Amino acid sequence: MEFGRIYGMIIETIEMSGDQKNNPLHGVKLADILEDLVEEYGWEELGYRIDIRCFNYDPSIKSSLKFLRRTPWAREKVERLYLKTF
């Protein structure tokens, strides 16, 4: 029984990695994306380019990550800017 469960997990992992081969952000952490964008633009410019509160009012990596992980539309905008920039 244990073998079947492990085998299924292995197959699922292989299938998931196959889905990701066309994803340019596969393996890139959200924290790294955000840190690179802040380094490139700074908080003020980042807040201008993506108008979300966590970039414009008392911005920090920690609070921004918390918001982006819970808000798919905002995360998508950040990921798009990252792809356009780098």
PDB file of N, CA and C in Angstrom:
ATOM      1  N   MET A   1       0.828  -1.197   0.000  1.00  0.00           N
ATOM      2  CA  MET A   1       0.000   0.000   0.000  1.00  0.00           C
ATOM      3  C   MET A   1       0.865   1.250   0.000  1.00  0.00           C
ATOM      4  N   GLU A   2       1.918   1.270   0.784  1.00  0.00           N
ATOM      5  CA  GLU A   2       2.814   2.428   0.855  1.00  0.00           C
ATOM      6  C   GLU A   2       3.456   2.693  -0.500  1.00  0.00           C
ATOM      7  N   PHE A   3       3.867   1.637  -1.194  1.00  0.00           N
ATOM      8  CA  PHE A   3       4.494   1.794  -2.502  1.00  0.00           C
ATOM      9  C   PHE A   3       3.555   2.507  -3.477  1.00  0.00           C
ATOM     10  N   GLY A   4       2.293   2.140  -3.489  1.00  0.00           N
ATOM     11  CA  GLY A   4       1.320   2.747  -4.402  1.00  0.00           C
ATOM     12  C   GLY A   4       1.158   4.232  -4.144  1.00  0.00           C
ATOM     13  N   ARG A   5       1.143   4.619  -2.884  1.00  0.00           N
ATOM     14  CA  ARG A   5       0.993   6.041  -2.543  1.00  0.00           C
ATOM     15  C   ARG A   5       2.220   6.828  -2.972  1.00  0.00           C
ATOM     16  N   ILE A   6       3.406   6.303  -2.711  1.00  0.00           N
ATOM     17  CA  ILE A   6       4.643   6.976  -3.092  1.00  0.00           C
ATOM     18  C   ILE A   6       4.765   7.046  -4.610  1.00  0.00           C
ATOM     19  N   TYR A   7       4.458   5.955  -5.291  1.00  0.00           N
ATOM     20  CA  TYR A   7       4.513   5.920  -6.744  1.00  0.00           C
ATOM     21  C   TYR A   7       3.576   6.982  -7.339  1.00  0.00           C
ATOM     22  N   GLY A   8       2.385   7.108  -6.767  1.00  0.00           N
ATOM     23  CA  GLY A   8       1.435   8.120  -7.238  1.00  0.00           C
ATOM     24  C   GLY A   8       1.961   9.530  -7.038  1.00  0.00           C
ATOM     25  N   MET A   9       2.638   9.762  -5.915  1.00  0.00           N
ATOM     26  CA  MET A   9       3.215  11.080  -5.656  1.00  0.00           C
ATOM     27  C   MET A   9       4.323  11.386  -6.657  1.00  0.00           C
ATOM     28  N   ILE A  10       5.130  10.394  -6.989  1.00  0.00           N
ATOM     29  CA  ILE A  10       6.208  10.593  -7.959  1.00  0.00           C
ATOM     30  C   ILE A  10       5.625  10.937  -9.324  1.00  0.00           C
ATOM     31  N   ILE A  11       4.629  10.194  -9.760  1.00  0.00           N
ATOM     32  CA  ILE A  11       3.989  10.452 -11.050  1.00  0.00           C
ATOM     33  C   ILE A  11       3.380  11.853 -11.071  1.00  0.00           C
ATOM     34  N   GLU A  12       2.721  12.241  -9.996  1.00  0.00           N
ATOM     35  CA  GLU A  12       2.103  13.564  -9.907  1.00  0.00           C
ATOM     36  C   GLU A  12       3.169  14.649 -10.000  1.00  0.00           C
ATOM     37  N   THR A  13       4.302  14.474  -9.338  1.00  0.00           N
ATOM     38  CA  THR A  13       5.393  15.444  -9.384  1.00  0.00           C
ATOM     39  C   THR A  13       5.937  15.567 -10.797  1.00  0.00           C
ATOM     40  N   ILE A  14       6.125  14.460 -11.475  1.00  0.00           N
ATOM     41  CA  ILE A  14       6.626  14.488 -12.850  1.00  0.00           C
ATOM     42  C   ILE A  14       5.636  15.209 -13.759  1.00  0.00           C
ATOM     43  N   GLU A  15       4.359  14.936 -13.606  1.00  0.00           N
ATOM     44  CA  GLU A  15       3.353  15.594 -14.424  1.00  0.00           C
ATOM     45  C   GLU A  15       3.314  17.089 -14.161  1.00  0.00           C
ATOM     46  N   MET A  16       3.454  17.496 -12.895  1.00  0.00           N
ATOM     47  CA  MET A  16       3.444  18.911 -12.565  1.00  0.00           C
ATOM     48  C   MET A  16       4.640  19.621 -13.171  1.00  0.00           C
ATOM     49  N   SER A  17       5.814  19.004 -13.131  1.00  0.00           N
ATOM     50  CA  SER A  17       6.991  19.657 -13.691  1.00  0.00           C
ATOM     51  C   SER A  17       6.878  19.745 -15.205  1.00  0.00           C
ATOM     52  N   GLY A  18       6.173  18.818 -15.831  1.00  0.00           N
ATOM     53  CA  GLY A  18       5.938  18.892 -17.263  1.00  0.00           C
ATOM     54  C   GLY A  18       5.059  20.079 -17.616  1.00  0.00           C
ATOM     55  N   ASP A  19       4.100  20.391 -16.764  1.00  0.00           N
ATOM     56  CA  ASP A  19       3.227  21.545 -16.985  1.00  0.00           C
ATOM     57  C   ASP A  19       3.993  22.857 -16.875  1.00  0.00           C
ATOM     58  N   GLN A  20       5.067  22.872 -16.132  1.00  0.00           N
ATOM     59  CA  GLN A  20       5.799  24.094 -15.842  1.00  0.00           C
ATOM     60  C   GLN A  20       6.917  24.410 -16.832  1.00  0.00           C
ATOM     61  N   LYS A  21       7.212  23.519 -17.765  1.00  0.00           N
ATOM     62  CA  LYS A  21       8.371  23.742 -18.618  1.00  0.00           C
ATOM     63  C   LYS A  21       8.240  24.986 -19.496  1.00  0.00           C
ATOM     64  N   ASN A  22       7.026  25.441 -19.747  1.00  0.00           N
ATOM     65  CA  ASN A  22       6.832  26.661 -20.529  1.00  0.00           C
ATOM     66  C   ASN A  22       6.613  27.887 -19.655  1.00  0.00           C
ATOM     67  N   ASN A  23       6.716  27.740 -18.355  1.00  0.00           N
ATOM     68  CA  ASN A  23       6.515  28.849 -17.432  1.00  0.00           C
ATOM     69  C   ASN A  23       7.870  29.475 -17.110  1.00  0.00           C
ATOM     70  N   PRO A  24       8.123  30.693 -17.586  1.00  0.00           N
ATOM     71  CA  PRO A  24       9.427  31.321 -17.340  1.00  0.00           C
ATOM     72  C   PRO A  24       9.687  31.645 -15.863  1.00  0.00           C
ATOM     73  N   LEU A  25       8.646  31.648 -15.046  1.00  0.00           N
ATOM     74  CA  LEU A  25       8.816  31.944 -13.618  1.00  0.00           C
ATOM     75  C   LEU A  25       8.927  30.692 -12.760  1.00  0.00           C
ATOM     76  N   HIS A  26       8.913  29.525 -13.395  1.00  0.00           N
ATOM     77  CA  HIS A  26       9.018  28.278 -12.634  1.00  0.00           C
ATOM     78  C   HIS A  26      10.343  28.249 -11.874  1.00  0.00           C
ATOM     79  N   GLY A  27      10.248  28.054 -10.564  1.00  0.00           N
ATOM     80  CA  GLY A  27      11.440  27.982  -9.724  1.00  0.00           C
ATOM     81  C   GLY A  27      11.897  29.327  -9.182  1.00  0.00           C
ATOM     82  N   VAL A  28      11.260  30.417  -9.609  1.00  0.00           N
ATOM     83  CA  VAL A  28      11.618  31.746  -9.117  1.00  0.00           C
ATOM     84  C   VAL A  28      10.688  32.085  -7.964  1.00  0.00           C
ATOM     85  N   LYS A  29      11.262  32.399  -6.814  1.00  0.00           N
ATOM     86  CA  LYS A  29      10.463  32.701  -5.629  1.00  0.00           C
ATOM     87  C   LYS A  29       9.871  34.105  -5.724  1.00  0.00           C
ATOM     88  N   LEU A  30       8.674  34.258  -5.187  1.00  0.00           N
ATOM     89  CA  LEU A  30       8.022  35.563  -5.168  1.00  0.00           C
ATOM     90  C   LEU A  30       8.875  36.590  -4.438  1.00  0.00           C
ATOM     91  N   ALA A  31       9.522  36.175  -3.372  1.00  0.00           N
ATOM     92  CA  ALA A  31      10.386  37.100  -2.615  1.00  0.00           C
ATOM     93  C   ALA A  31      11.532  37.605  -3.500  1.00  0.00           C
ATOM     94  N   ASP A  32      12.099  36.721  -4.313  1.00  0.00           N
ATOM     95  CA  ASP A  32      13.187  37.131  -5.210  1.00  0.00           C
ATOM     96  C   ASP A  32      12.681  38.089  -6.282  1.00  0.00           C
ATOM     97  N   ILE A  33      11.496  37.816  -6.802  1.00  0.00           N
ATOM     98  CA  ILE A  33      10.895  38.696  -7.805  1.00  0.00           C
ATOM     99  C   ILE A  33      10.720  40.092  -7.218  1.00  0.00           C
ATOM    100  N   LEU A  34      10.123  40.159  -6.038  1.00  0.00           N
ATOM    101  CA  LEU A  34       9.862  41.445  -5.399  1.00  0.00           C
ATOM    102  C   LEU A  34      11.160  42.179  -5.070  1.00  0.00           C
ATOM    103  N   GLU A  35      12.137  41.485  -4.522  1.00  0.00           N
ATOM    104  CA  GLU A  35      13.412  42.118  -4.193  1.00  0.00           C
ATOM    105  C   GLU A  35      14.105  42.664  -5.439  1.00  0.00           C
ATOM    106  N   ASP A  36      14.070  41.917  -6.547  1.00  0.00           N
ATOM    107  CA  ASP A  36      14.671  42.391  -7.796  1.00  0.00           C
ATOM    108  C   ASP A  36      13.964  43.634  -8.316  1.00  0.00           C
ATOM    109  N   LEU A  37      12.636  43.652  -8.238  1.00  0.00           N
ATOM    110  CA  LEU A  37      11.890  44.817  -8.710  1.00  0.00           C
ATOM    111  C   LEU A  37      12.143  46.042  -7.838  1.00  0.00           C
ATOM    112  N   VAL A  38      12.218  45.846  -6.535  1.00  0.00           N
ATOM    113  CA  VAL A  38      12.499  46.974  -5.632  1.00  0.00           C
ATOM    114  C   VAL A  38      13.910  47.507  -5.892  1.00  0.00           C
ATOM    115  N   GLU A  39      14.847  46.615  -6.128  1.00  0.00           N
ATOM    116  CA  GLU A  39      16.217  47.033  -6.427  1.00  0.00           C
ATOM    117  C   GLU A  39      16.275  47.796  -7.752  1.00  0.00           C
ATOM    118  N   GLU A  40      15.512  47.348  -8.721  1.00  0.00           N
ATOM    119  CA  GLU A  40      15.516  47.969 -10.052  1.00  0.00           C
ATOM    120  C   GLU A  40      14.806  49.325 -10.056  1.00  0.00           C
ATOM    121  N   TYR A  41      13.622  49.387  -9.435  1.00  0.00           N
ATOM    122  CA  TYR A  41      12.789  50.586  -9.520  1.00  0.00           C
ATOM    123  C   TYR A  41      12.727  51.411  -8.243  1.00  0.00           C
ATOM    124  N   GLY A  42      12.880  50.782  -7.103  1.00  0.00           N
ATOM    125  CA  GLY A  42      12.624  51.454  -5.835  1.00  0.00           C
ATOM    126  C   GLY A  42      11.130  51.408  -5.540  1.00  0.00           C
ATOM    127  N   TRP A  43      10.770  51.624  -4.290  1.00  0.00           N
ATOM    128  CA  TRP A  43       9.365  51.519  -3.893  1.00  0.00           C
ATOM    129  C   TRP A  43       8.493  52.568  -4.568  1.00  0.00           C
ATOM    130  N   GLU A  44       8.992  53.796  -4.686  1.00  0.00           N
ATOM    131  CA  GLU A  44       8.169  54.864  -5.258  1.00  0.00           C
ATOM    132  C   GLU A  44       7.789  54.565  -6.709  1.00  0.00           C
ATOM    133  N   GLU A  45       8.766  54.202  -7.516  1.00  0.00           N
ATOM    134  CA  GLU A  45       8.499  53.881  -8.920  1.00  0.00           C
ATOM    135  C   GLU A  45       7.660  52.607  -9.050  1.00  0.00           C
ATOM    136  N   LEU A  46       7.923  51.636  -8.199  1.00  0.00           N
ATOM    137  CA  LEU A  46       7.148  50.399  -8.228  1.00  0.00           C
ATOM    138  C   LEU A  46       5.682  50.693  -7.900  1.00  0.00           C
ATOM    139  N   GLY A  47       5.451  51.559  -6.927  1.00  0.00           N
ATOM    140  CA  GLY A  47       4.094  51.959  -6.574  1.00  0.00           C
ATOM    141  C   GLY A  47       3.408  52.749  -7.670  1.00  0.00           C
ATOM    142  N   TYR A  48       4.196  53.470  -8.457  1.00  0.00           N
ATOM    143  CA  TYR A  48       3.644  54.203  -9.599  1.00  0.00           C
ATOM    144  C   TYR A  48       3.249  53.228 -10.717  1.00  0.00           C
ATOM    145  N   ARG A  49       4.111  52.250 -10.971  1.00  0.00           N
ATOM    146  CA  ARG A  49       3.862  51.290 -12.053  1.00  0.00           C
ATOM    147  C   ARG A  49       2.739  50.307 -11.705  1.00  0.00           C
ATOM    148  N   ILE A  50       2.677  49.895 -10.439  1.00  0.00           N
ATOM    149  CA  ILE A  50       1.619  48.999  -9.965  1.00  0.00           C
ATOM    150  C   ILE A  50       1.000  49.664  -8.745  1.00  0.00           C
ATOM    151  N   ASP A  51      -0.147  50.278  -8.946  1.00  0.00           N
ATOM    152  CA  ASP A  51      -0.764  51.086  -7.897  1.00  0.00           C
ATOM    153  C   ASP A  51      -1.516  50.209  -6.897  1.00  0.00           C
ATOM    154  N   ILE A  52      -0.758  49.669  -5.954  1.00  0.00           N
ATOM    155  CA  ILE A  52      -1.365  48.934  -4.847  1.00  0.00           C
ATOM    156  C   ILE A  52      -0.826  49.503  -3.543  1.00  0.00           C
ATOM    157  N   ARG A  53      -1.671  49.502  -2.560  1.00  0.00           N
ATOM    158  CA  ARG A  53      -1.385  50.170  -1.285  1.00  0.00           C
ATOM    159  C   ARG A  53      -0.077  49.706  -0.634  1.00  0.00           C
ATOM    160  N   CYS A  54       0.211  48.409  -0.700  1.00  0.00           N
ATOM    161  CA  CYS A  54       1.399  47.899   0.000  1.00  0.00           C
ATOM    162  C   CYS A  54       2.700  48.423  -0.618  1.00  0.00           C
ATOM    163  N   PHE A  55       2.640  48.993  -1.829  1.00  0.00           N
ATOM    164  CA  PHE A  55       3.823  49.598  -2.449  1.00  0.00           C
ATOM    165  C   PHE A  55       3.885  51.101  -2.192  1.00  0.00           C
ATOM    166  N   ASN A  56       2.763  51.713  -1.847  1.00  0.00           N
ATOM    167  CA  ASN A  56       2.705  53.170  -1.744  1.00  0.00           C
ATOM    168  C   ASN A  56       2.676  53.714  -0.318  1.00  0.00           C
ATOM    169  N   TYR A  57       2.253  52.916   0.637  1.00  0.00           N
ATOM    170  CA  TYR A  57       2.137  53.388   2.018  1.00  0.00           C
ATOM    171  C   TYR A  57       2.922  52.478   2.949  1.00  0.00           C
ATOM    172  N   ASP A  58       3.990  53.013   3.491  1.00  0.00           N
ATOM    173  CA  ASP A  58       4.859  52.273   4.412  1.00  0.00           C
ATOM    174  C   ASP A  58       5.239  50.896   3.843  1.00  0.00           C
ATOM    175  N   PRO A  59       5.866  50.875   2.657  1.00  0.00           N
ATOM    176  CA  PRO A  59       6.160  49.598   1.994  1.00  0.00           C
ATOM    177  C   PRO A  59       7.259  48.797   2.682  1.00  0.00           C
ATOM    178  N   SER A  60       7.105  47.492   2.651  1.00  0.00           N
ATOM    179  CA  SER A  60       8.148  46.580   3.124  1.00  0.00           C
ATOM    180  C   SER A  60       8.009  45.279   2.350  1.00  0.00           C
ATOM    181  N   ILE A  61       9.093  44.546   2.282  1.00  0.00           N
ATOM    182  CA  ILE A  61       9.068  43.246   1.602  1.00  0.00           C
ATOM    183  C   ILE A  61       8.063  42.325   2.293  1.00  0.00           C
ATOM    184  N   LYS A  62       8.114  42.280   3.610  1.00  0.00           N
ATOM    185  CA  LYS A  62       7.269  41.365   4.375  1.00  0.00           C
ATOM    186  C   LYS A  62       5.776  41.631   4.149  1.00  0.00           C
ATOM    187  N   SER A  63       5.358  42.880   4.273  1.00  0.00           N
ATOM    188  CA  SER A  63       3.929  43.182   4.102  1.00  0.00           C
ATOM    189  C   SER A  63       3.492  42.991   2.653  1.00  0.00           C
ATOM    190  N   SER A  64       4.371  43.311   1.723  1.00  0.00           N
ATOM    191  CA  SER A  64       4.035  43.145   0.309  1.00  0.00           C
ATOM    192  C   SER A  64       3.898  41.674  -0.051  1.00  0.00           C
ATOM    193  N   LEU A  65       4.791  40.831   0.450  1.00  0.00           N
ATOM    194  CA  LEU A  65       4.693  39.396   0.186  1.00  0.00           C
ATOM    195  C   LEU A  65       3.398  38.831   0.746  1.00  0.00           C
ATOM    196  N   LYS A  66       3.034  39.247   1.938  1.00  0.00           N
ATOM    197  CA  LYS A  66       1.799  38.770   2.562  1.00  0.00           C
ATOM    198  C   LYS A  66       0.598  39.128   1.682  1.00  0.00           C
ATOM    199  N   PHE A  67       0.567  40.373   1.199  1.00  0.00           N
ATOM    200  CA  PHE A  67      -0.533  40.812   0.351  1.00  0.00           C
ATOM    201  C   PHE A  67      -0.532  40.068  -0.985  1.00  0.00           C
ATOM    202  N   LEU A  68       0.626  39.962  -1.621  1.00  0.00           N
ATOM    203  CA  LEU A  68       0.707  39.342  -2.948  1.00  0.00           C
ATOM    204  C   LEU A  68       0.347  37.855  -2.905  1.00  0.00           C
ATOM    205  N   ARG A  69       0.684  37.179  -1.843  1.00  0.00           N
ATOM    206  CA  ARG A  69       0.352  35.758  -1.723  1.00  0.00           C
ATOM    207  C   ARG A  69      -1.155  35.534  -1.568  1.00  0.00           C
ATOM    208  N   ARG A  70      -1.858  36.532  -1.070  1.00  0.00           N
ATOM    209  CA  ARG A  70      -3.305  36.398  -0.849  1.00  0.00           C
ATOM    210  C   ARG A  70      -4.141  37.051  -1.951  1.00  0.00           C
ATOM    211  N   THR A  71      -3.481  37.744  -2.885  1.00  0.00           N
ATOM    212  CA  THR A  71      -4.214  38.522  -3.878  1.00  0.00           C
ATOM    213  C   THR A  71      -3.710  38.183  -5.279  1.00  0.00           C
ATOM    214  N   PRO A  72      -4.361  37.226  -5.940  1.00  0.00           N
ATOM    215  CA  PRO A  72      -3.882  36.744  -7.244  1.00  0.00           C
ATOM    216  C   PRO A  72      -3.749  37.823  -8.320  1.00  0.00           C
ATOM    217  N   TRP A  73      -4.687  38.783  -8.382  1.00  0.00           N
ATOM    218  CA  TRP A  73      -4.597  39.796  -9.438  1.00  0.00           C
ATOM    219  C   TRP A  73      -3.371  40.686  -9.253  1.00  0.00           C
ATOM    220  N   ALA A  74      -3.027  40.989  -8.004  1.00  0.00           N
ATOM    221  CA  ALA A  74      -1.857  41.831  -7.745  1.00  0.00           C
ATOM    222  C   ALA A  74      -0.576  41.057  -8.029  1.00  0.00           C
ATOM    223  N   ARG A  75      -0.550  39.813  -7.642  1.00  0.00           N
ATOM    224  CA  ARG A  75       0.623  38.978  -7.912  1.00  0.00           C
ATOM    225  C   ARG A  75       0.862  38.855  -9.413  1.00  0.00           C
ATOM    226  N   GLU A  76      -0.208  38.707 -10.160  1.00  0.00           N
ATOM    227  CA  GLU A  76      -0.091  38.602 -11.614  1.00  0.00           C
ATOM    228  C   GLU A  76       0.523  39.876 -12.214  1.00  0.00           C
ATOM    229  N   LYS A  77       0.124  41.031 -11.706  1.00  0.00           N
ATOM    230  CA  LYS A  77       0.701  42.291 -12.194  1.00  0.00           C
ATOM    231  C   LYS A  77       2.193  42.370 -11.878  1.00  0.00           C
ATOM    232  N   VAL A  78       2.581  41.935 -10.701  1.00  0.00           N
ATOM    233  CA  VAL A  78       3.990  41.949 -10.300  1.00  0.00           C
ATOM    234  C   VAL A  78       4.784  40.986 -11.183  1.00  0.00           C
ATOM    235  N   GLU A  79       4.249  39.814 -11.409  1.00  0.00           N
ATOM    236  CA  GLU A  79       4.939  38.832 -12.252  1.00  0.00           C
ATOM    237  C   GLU A  79       5.084  39.332 -13.682  1.00  0.00           C
ATOM    238  N   ARG A  80       4.042  39.994 -14.214  1.00  0.00           N
ATOM    239  CA  ARG A  80       4.121  40.546 -15.567  1.00  0.00           C
ATOM    240  C   ARG A  80       5.193  41.624 -15.674  1.00  0.00           C
ATOM    241  N   LEU A  81       5.254  42.503 -14.671  1.00  0.00           N
ATOM    242  CA  LEU A  81       6.278  43.549 -14.679  1.00  0.00           C
ATOM    243  C   LEU A  81       7.668  42.929 -14.602  1.00  0.00           C
ATOM    244  N   TYR A  82       7.821  41.912 -13.800  1.00  0.00           N
ATOM    245  CA  TYR A  82       9.102  41.220 -13.679  1.00  0.00           C
ATOM    246  C   TYR A  82       9.539  40.637 -15.031  1.00  0.00           C
ATOM    247  N   LEU A  83       8.608  39.993 -15.721  1.00  0.00           N
ATOM    248  CA  LEU A  83       8.930  39.405 -17.022  1.00  0.00           C
ATOM    249  C   LEU A  83       9.280  40.473 -18.062  1.00  0.00           C
ATOM    250  N   LYS A  84       8.581  41.604 -18.016  1.00  0.00           N
ATOM    251  CA  LYS A  84       8.891  42.699 -18.942  1.00  0.00           C
ATOM    252  C   LYS A  84      10.243  43.338 -18.636  1.00  0.00           C
ATOM    253  N   THR A  85      10.597  43.384 -17.359  1.00  0.00           N
ATOM    254  CA  THR A  85      11.815  44.063 -16.930  1.00  0.00           C
ATOM    255  C   THR A  85      13.057  43.213 -17.125  1.00  0.00           C
ATOM    256  N   PHE A  86      12.959  41.933 -16.798  1.00  0.00           N
ATOM    257  CA  PHE A  86      14.154  41.073 -16.832  1.00  0.00           C
ATOM    258  C   PHE A  86      14.021  40.069 -17.896  1.00  0.00           C
TER     259      PHE A  86
END
